[in-house]
Protein backbone atom coordinates (compact mmCIF):
# COMPACT_ATOMS: atom_id res chain seq x y z
CA MET A 1 -20.45 -31.54 -64.97
CA ASN A 2 -18.03 -34.21 -66.42
CA LYS A 3 -14.09 -34.05 -67.59
CA GLN A 4 -15.16 -31.37 -70.69
CA GLN A 5 -16.66 -28.80 -68.81
CA LEU A 6 -14.39 -28.78 -66.18
CA GLN A 7 -11.21 -28.88 -68.52
CA ALA A 8 -13.10 -25.41 -70.87
CA MET A 9 -13.46 -23.82 -67.67
CA SER A 10 -10.89 -21.04 -66.10
CA MET A 11 -7.75 -21.21 -63.33
CA ASN A 12 -10.56 -18.60 -61.52
CA GLU A 13 -13.86 -20.51 -62.26
CA LEU A 14 -12.51 -23.51 -61.10
CA ARG A 15 -11.08 -21.36 -57.87
CA SER A 16 -14.88 -20.78 -57.73
CA MET A 17 -16.73 -23.44 -57.66
CA ARG A 18 -14.13 -24.91 -55.01
CA ASP A 19 -14.64 -22.37 -52.68
CA ILE A 20 -18.52 -23.30 -53.09
CA LEU A 21 -18.24 -26.67 -52.95
CA GLN A 22 -15.89 -26.46 -49.50
CA ARG A 23 -18.50 -23.76 -48.06
CA GLU A 24 -21.20 -26.29 -49.14
CA ILE A 25 -19.62 -29.37 -47.11
CA GLU A 26 -18.10 -26.60 -44.06
CA GLN A 27 -22.50 -26.17 -43.74
CA ARG A 28 -23.46 -29.65 -43.90
CA GLY A 29 -21.46 -30.50 -41.44
CA GLN A 30 -21.60 -27.99 -38.98
CA GLU A 31 -25.54 -28.59 -39.00
CA ILE A 32 -24.67 -32.37 -38.32
CA LYS A 33 -23.00 -30.42 -35.54
CA TYR A 34 -26.04 -29.10 -34.34
CA GLU A 35 -28.47 -32.34 -34.49
CA LEU A 36 -25.45 -34.23 -32.90
CA ARG A 37 -26.01 -35.56 -29.21
CA ILE A 38 -22.89 -36.71 -26.43
CA GLY A 39 -24.34 -40.69 -26.05
CA ASP A 40 -25.58 -40.48 -29.37
CA LYS A 41 -24.75 -44.32 -31.69
CA VAL A 42 -23.41 -43.19 -35.06
CA LYS A 43 -22.04 -44.46 -38.07
CA VAL A 44 -18.78 -43.08 -39.77
CA ASN A 45 -18.97 -42.97 -44.02
CA HIS A 46 -15.38 -44.71 -44.79
CA SER A 47 -14.24 -47.74 -46.20
CA ARG A 48 -12.70 -48.77 -43.08
CA THR A 49 -15.41 -48.29 -40.56
CA ALA A 50 -18.09 -50.13 -43.03
CA GLY A 51 -20.76 -51.49 -40.91
CA MET A 52 -19.08 -50.52 -37.23
CA ILE A 53 -21.27 -48.26 -34.85
CA PHE A 54 -19.59 -45.79 -32.64
CA ASN A 55 -20.69 -43.50 -29.58
CA VAL A 56 -20.47 -39.73 -29.40
CA VAL A 57 -17.92 -38.98 -26.96
CA GLU A 58 -17.08 -34.83 -27.49
CA ILE A 59 -18.41 -32.58 -29.62
CA LYS A 60 -15.49 -29.80 -31.20
CA ARG A 61 -15.64 -27.51 -33.70
CA LYS A 62 -14.72 -29.69 -36.25
CA LYS A 63 -14.33 -33.42 -35.35
CA ALA A 64 -16.14 -35.50 -32.80
CA VAL A 65 -14.83 -37.83 -30.30
CA VAL A 66 -16.21 -41.12 -31.14
CA LYS A 67 -15.53 -44.54 -29.39
CA THR A 68 -15.94 -48.52 -30.37
CA VAL A 69 -17.64 -50.93 -28.57
CA ASP A 70 -13.89 -51.70 -27.41
CA GLY A 71 -13.19 -48.49 -26.31
CA ALA A 72 -11.13 -47.71 -28.99
CA ARG A 73 -11.00 -43.63 -30.10
CA TYR A 74 -10.99 -42.09 -32.93
CA ASN A 75 -10.74 -37.84 -33.99
CA VAL A 76 -13.55 -38.09 -37.01
CA ALA A 77 -14.38 -35.46 -39.52
CA LEU A 78 -17.85 -34.28 -39.15
CA GLN A 79 -18.68 -34.06 -42.66
CA LEU A 80 -18.39 -38.54 -42.14
CA LEU A 81 -20.68 -38.82 -39.33
CA GLU A 82 -24.26 -40.03 -40.05
CA ARG A 83 -26.62 -41.51 -37.35
CA ALA A 84 -27.31 -44.64 -36.82
CA GLU A 85 -31.08 -45.47 -36.89
């Protein structure tokens, strides 16, 4: 979809598309949640953490607590996590 197609859509169409996308993002986060276990090694899909590996410390409803090798802990949205191989 390009910018011209988006501009041609009504506000109601844009809102319904936003709702569909938001549900899909939440569903993928839930799928990730059930795949993860405490102690798993993960990567965070964010520019500040490029190349870093984290350990999962705690899994919450929409976020996970991850820890770096030096002990720093971060709350990260589940959608940003992916398993490190």
